[in-house]
Amino acid sequence: MVGGTLRDIREHVEALSAEDGPYAVVCGRTGREPVPAAGVRFGDRESAAEAAEASSEYRSVLRRYDPQVQYLEPLVHEVSDGPVGPLASESDDVRARYFSFCHDVAGAVFEALSATGHREVESATMETYLTLAEVVSDRDDFCLTMLWSMMSELDVRLGPGRQATVVRSAADMLGSPAVESAANSPVEATMRRLSSSSFVGDYRVVPCPDGDAWEISFGDYALAERTGRLPTLPLAVDLVRRVPDRPVRFTDATALSDCRWRVRVEMDRDPEGLTSLTASDDGYLNDPDYCL
């Protein structure tokens, strides 16, 4: 299964690692550290070079199912030299961030399904994806179809508790994010990540008066659908990696218009809504952008 293969590659990279080592692997085109080597350090150039090859192999596994999985151009980088700037043009970099986000989340969820013993969900996801992929006309939509297939099978086959276990495992696979300013909430950081990856358009994060909760509104969501449900899986995976010790709940999804959504995020509550939510359309009546 794809998840087991990806896990084997990750374990190989981890076996090469050295805590606080001076070398890292980066993508020469984007300047970012690729999964599964993101956040991993190596004690010598040879180990880092081997990890770079393994990172390319990780993408090759996903590329069997989605030809749009991008090539890494991995480089061994000495951490003390500072960050590597992207070599791609800004428009190419935005496209790279979009596909990278999709495929990083997809790969992490595949790994998580394997690691948590949910092979039947992994198999069902692949069956659903391969069936839907036959009618996908735009190659750029393969990655969204893969994420949608995951969300659909997780919804049908696992309850909220097991969904939370899978999401937390997937978040762990992505590694710790960069340190954020204390002024920024983890929810704000997640929405900024999705926005910079062109996975959502404009967004707004408003803290709720009743404690650790936020109301998010956003438009142009790449994974939006018209079946009355709001897919939350990519948001949940990115958010949980930022708050690994706190349960997260998504609730009260509302369709504000054909291309805008609102959802409430709560911390320290029983995990729920981590794959998708049924969305009401009450917001149509109150959204100034909506026209009859």
Foldseek 3Di string as FASTA:
>chain_A
DLLVVLVVLLVLLVVQFDVPAQKAKAQQAAQAGAPPRHPTHGNDPVSRVVNNVSRQVNLVSVCVQAVPSDGRNMDIDGVVVDTRHHPDDLVVNLQNLQNRLLVLLLNLLSNLCVVVVVVVLNVQLVVQLVVVVVPDPDSVCSSLSSLVSSLVSCVVPDDQVVVQSSLLSSLVSSPADDDDDPVDDLLNVLVVSCCSNVQWDDKDWADDPPPQKIKMKTFPHNNDDDPQKAFQQSSSSSSCNHVVPKAKAKDAWEDLEPTMIMIMMGIRDRHYQNTMGRYHHVNVVVRPVHDD
